[in-house]
Amino acid sequence: MAEVLIQNMRNPNQAVSIMVTLKRSVIKEEGSGNLMWILEASTTETDKESNYIAPAKKWLSDKTTLTDDVNELIDQICAQIDWEYVEDTEPPAVVNHWPLSNAQDVSIDTGITINLEEEVPSSGIDLSSIHVKVKGFDLTDQVTIKGDIHACTVTLIPGTKYMSAVNEDFP
């Protein structure tokens, strides 16, 4: 048994869980038995009328098509789900940062790190939209971003541009 999380590509704020199970069965025919497999996909999601969606099943005799067969059943289930649009109104959250707020005696060349997270289901963090400015100086080109659309780390290692922004008030 495997749980598959399917995200709605037209509305990335929605995702559903589908359970995929492969069961072994022996078909008895006049003294002999053929080994067959039953592939089943199911979900707790409902259709547009809020009705339970029956599991999709398929008999398999050729294990070489398993991936295609799983995808076919998942498509059958997804076609029945009510994918009503739900707007993503929650912004990404800052889960921690360094230096800490109100930190004192922090060297001017200390790296700055911000960790962001966006809970699933959501559209995620648009990593290309992250911009860093200090006192009007755009420092985006000095930022490194690691991670994915659901959790990332933004790091600024102070450089010449950063020092100019910080030292603007200090001749």
Protein backbone atom coordinates (compact mmCIF):
# COMPACT_ATOMS: atom_id res chain seq x y z
CA MET A 1 0.00 0.00 0.00
CA ALA A 2 1.23 3.49 -0.84
CA GLU A 3 -0.21 6.93 -0.24
CA VAL A 4 0.11 9.33 -3.15
CA LEU A 5 -0.40 13.08 -2.73
CA ILE A 6 -1.87 14.56 -5.91
CA GLN A 7 -1.72 18.33 -6.39
CA ASN A 8 -4.24 20.08 -8.62
CA MET A 9 -2.10 21.71 -11.31
CA ARG A 10 -4.82 24.24 -12.23
CA ASN A 11 -5.22 25.16 -8.58
CA PRO A 12 -2.00 24.34 -6.72
CA ASN A 13 -3.70 25.25 -3.43
CA GLN A 14 -5.45 21.89 -3.51
CA ALA A 15 -4.06 18.43 -3.01
CA VAL A 16 -5.70 15.11 -2.26
CA SER A 17 -4.46 11.86 -0.85
CA ILE A 18 -4.99 8.66 -2.84
CA MET A 19 -4.22 5.22 -1.44
CA VAL A 20 -2.87 2.71 -3.95
CA THR A 21 -2.94 -0.98 -3.05
CA LEU A 22 -1.66 -4.02 -4.94
CA LYS A 23 -3.29 -7.32 -3.90
CA ARG A 24 -2.40 -10.83 -4.99
CA SER A 25 -5.17 -13.18 -6.04
CA VAL A 26 -5.27 -16.72 -7.42
CA ILE A 27 -7.93 -17.40 -10.03
CA LYS A 28 -8.99 -21.05 -9.89
CA GLU A 29 -9.84 -22.65 -13.20
CA GLU A 30 -10.61 -26.39 -13.36
CA GLY A 31 -7.78 -27.69 -11.24
CA SER A 32 -5.24 -24.98 -11.99
CA GLY A 33 -4.75 -21.50 -10.61
CA ASN A 34 -3.46 -18.43 -12.34
CA LEU A 35 -1.80 -15.75 -10.27
CA MET A 36 -3.31 -12.33 -10.88
CA TRP A 37 -2.89 -8.96 -9.23
CA ILE A 38 -5.60 -6.47 -8.36
CA LEU A 39 -4.58 -2.83 -8.33
CA GLU A 40 -6.87 -0.53 -6.35
CA ALA A 41 -6.87 3.27 -5.87
CA SER A 42 -9.13 5.02 -3.38
CA THR A 43 -9.61 8.35 -1.64
CA THR A 44 -11.70 9.90 1.11
CA GLU A 45 -12.44 12.92 -1.12
CA THR A 46 -15.96 13.38 -2.48
CA ASP A 47 -17.33 14.17 -5.90
CA LYS A 48 -19.18 17.37 -6.91
CA GLU A 49 -22.39 16.14 -5.25
CA SER A 50 -20.48 15.30 -2.04
CA ASN A 51 -20.85 11.56 -2.69
CA TYR A 52 -18.28 8.96 -1.72
CA ILE A 53 -16.00 8.03 -4.64
CA ALA A 54 -15.87 4.26 -5.16
CA PRO A 55 -12.39 2.75 -5.41
CA ALA A 56 -11.04 2.24 -8.92
CA LYS A 57 -9.83 -1.31 -9.58
CA LYS A 58 -7.94 -3.06 -12.32
CA TRP A 59 -6.87 -6.66 -12.84
CA LEU A 60 -3.22 -6.99 -13.82
CA SER A 61 -1.42 -9.87 -15.45
CA ASP A 62 1.57 -7.94 -16.83
CA LYS A 63 3.77 -6.31 -14.21
CA THR A 64 5.64 -4.30 -16.87
CA THR A 65 2.70 -1.88 -17.16
CA LEU A 66 2.33 -1.24 -13.41
CA THR A 67 3.31 2.46 -13.52
CA ASP A 68 0.89 3.15 -16.37
CA ASP A 69 -1.84 1.18 -14.60
CA VAL A 70 -1.36 3.14 -11.35
CA ASN A 71 -1.48 6.44 -13.25
CA GLU A 72 -4.64 5.34 -15.08
CA LEU A 73 -6.44 4.56 -11.80
CA ILE A 74 -5.28 7.81 -10.19
CA ASP A 75 -6.59 9.72 -13.24
CA GLN A 76 -9.97 7.94 -12.86
CA ILE A 77 -10.21 8.98 -9.20
CA CYS A 78 -9.06 12.57 -9.89
CA ALA A 79 -11.65 12.98 -12.66
CA GLN A 80 -14.38 12.48 -10.04
CA ILE A 81 -13.01 14.79 -7.32
CA ASP A 82 -14.55 18.21 -6.80
CA TRP A 83 -11.57 20.49 -7.55
CA GLU A 84 -13.41 23.69 -6.67
CA TYR A 85 -11.01 26.62 -6.60
CA VAL A 86 -9.72 27.55 -3.15
CA GLU A 87 -7.62 30.70 -2.92
CA ASP A 88 -4.27 30.51 -1.12
CA THR A 89 -4.61 33.32 1.43
CA GLU A 90 -1.85 32.25 3.80
CA PRO A 91 1.55 33.80 3.11
CA PRO A 92 4.77 31.85 3.65
CA ALA A 93 5.91 31.94 7.27
CA VAL A 94 9.33 32.88 8.63
CA VAL A 95 10.10 29.90 10.87
CA ASN A 96 13.44 31.20 12.15
CA HIS A 97 16.25 33.59 11.32
CA TRP A 98 19.80 34.49 12.27
CA PRO A 99 20.86 36.79 13.81
CA LEU A 100 18.03 36.78 16.32
CA SER A 101 15.78 39.80 16.79
CA ASN A 102 17.32 42.53 18.93
CA ALA A 103 20.70 40.76 18.91
CA GLN A 104 23.54 42.97 20.10
CA ASP A 105 27.24 43.05 19.32
CA VAL A 106 26.70 41.25 16.03
CA SER A 107 29.57 41.81 13.63
CA ILE A 108 28.69 43.74 10.47
CA ASP A 109 30.07 40.89 8.34
CA THR A 110 27.82 38.24 9.94
CA GLY A 111 25.72 36.31 7.43
CA ILE A 112 21.95 36.77 7.58
CA THR A 113 19.75 33.67 7.23
CA ILE A 114 15.96 33.46 6.97
CA ASN A 115 14.08 30.14 6.81
CA LEU A 116 10.67 30.24 5.11
CA GLU A 117 7.96 27.57 4.94
CA GLU A 118 4.65 27.23 3.10
CA GLU A 119 2.28 24.47 4.24
CA VAL A 120 0.84 21.92 1.78
CA PRO A 121 -1.61 22.23 0.12
CA SER A 122 -0.62 25.63 -1.19
CA SER A 123 0.79 27.26 -4.24
CA GLY A 124 4.15 27.35 -2.51
CA ILE A 125 6.79 30.06 -2.39
CA ASP A 126 7.63 31.75 -5.67
CA LEU A 127 11.41 31.61 -5.23
CA SER A 128 11.95 33.99 -8.14
CA SER A 129 9.95 36.67 -6.31
CA ILE A 130 12.34 36.90 -3.34
CA HIS A 131 14.12 40.27 -3.30
CA VAL A 132 16.34 41.70 -0.56
CA LYS A 133 16.83 45.42 0.02
CA VAL A 134 18.72 47.20 2.78
CA LYS A 135 18.21 50.98 3.03
CA GLY A 136 17.13 51.09 -0.61
CA PHE A 137 20.10 49.05 -1.91
CA ASP A 138 18.96 45.99 -3.86
CA LEU A 139 21.08 43.09 -2.59
CA THR A 140 19.15 40.32 -4.36
CA ASP A 141 22.21 39.39 -6.45
CA GLN A 142 24.12 38.61 -3.22
CA VAL A 143 21.44 36.23 -1.89
CA THR A 144 21.54 32.45 -2.13
CA ILE A 145 18.29 30.48 -1.96
CA LYS A 146 18.28 26.76 -1.18
CA GLY A 147 15.28 24.49 -0.87
CA ASP A 148 11.99 24.17 -2.68
CA ILE A 149 8.62 25.90 -2.92
CA HIS A 150 7.52 24.57 0.48
CA ALA A 151 10.65 25.23 2.56
CA CYS A 152 13.64 27.36 1.67
CA THR A 153 16.58 29.15 3.22
CA VAL A 154 17.52 32.66 2.11
CA THR A 155 21.09 33.61 2.99
CA LEU A 156 22.87 36.94 2.57
CA ILE A 157 26.62 36.93 3.07
CA PRO A 158 27.66 40.56 3.47
CA GLY A 159 29.66 41.95 0.56
CA THR A 160 30.65 45.34 -0.80
CA LYS A 161 27.09 46.36 -1.68
CA TYR A 162 25.84 45.37 1.77
CA MET A 163 28.62 47.31 3.50
CA SER A 164 27.71 50.40 1.43
CA ALA A 165 24.07 50.13 2.53
CA VAL A 166 24.89 49.64 6.20
CA ASN A 167 27.60 52.29 6.31
CA GLU A 168 25.52 54.92 4.46
CA ASP A 169 24.84 56.73 7.76
CA PHE A 170 28.41 56.40 8.96
CA PRO A 171 30.96 58.36 6.89
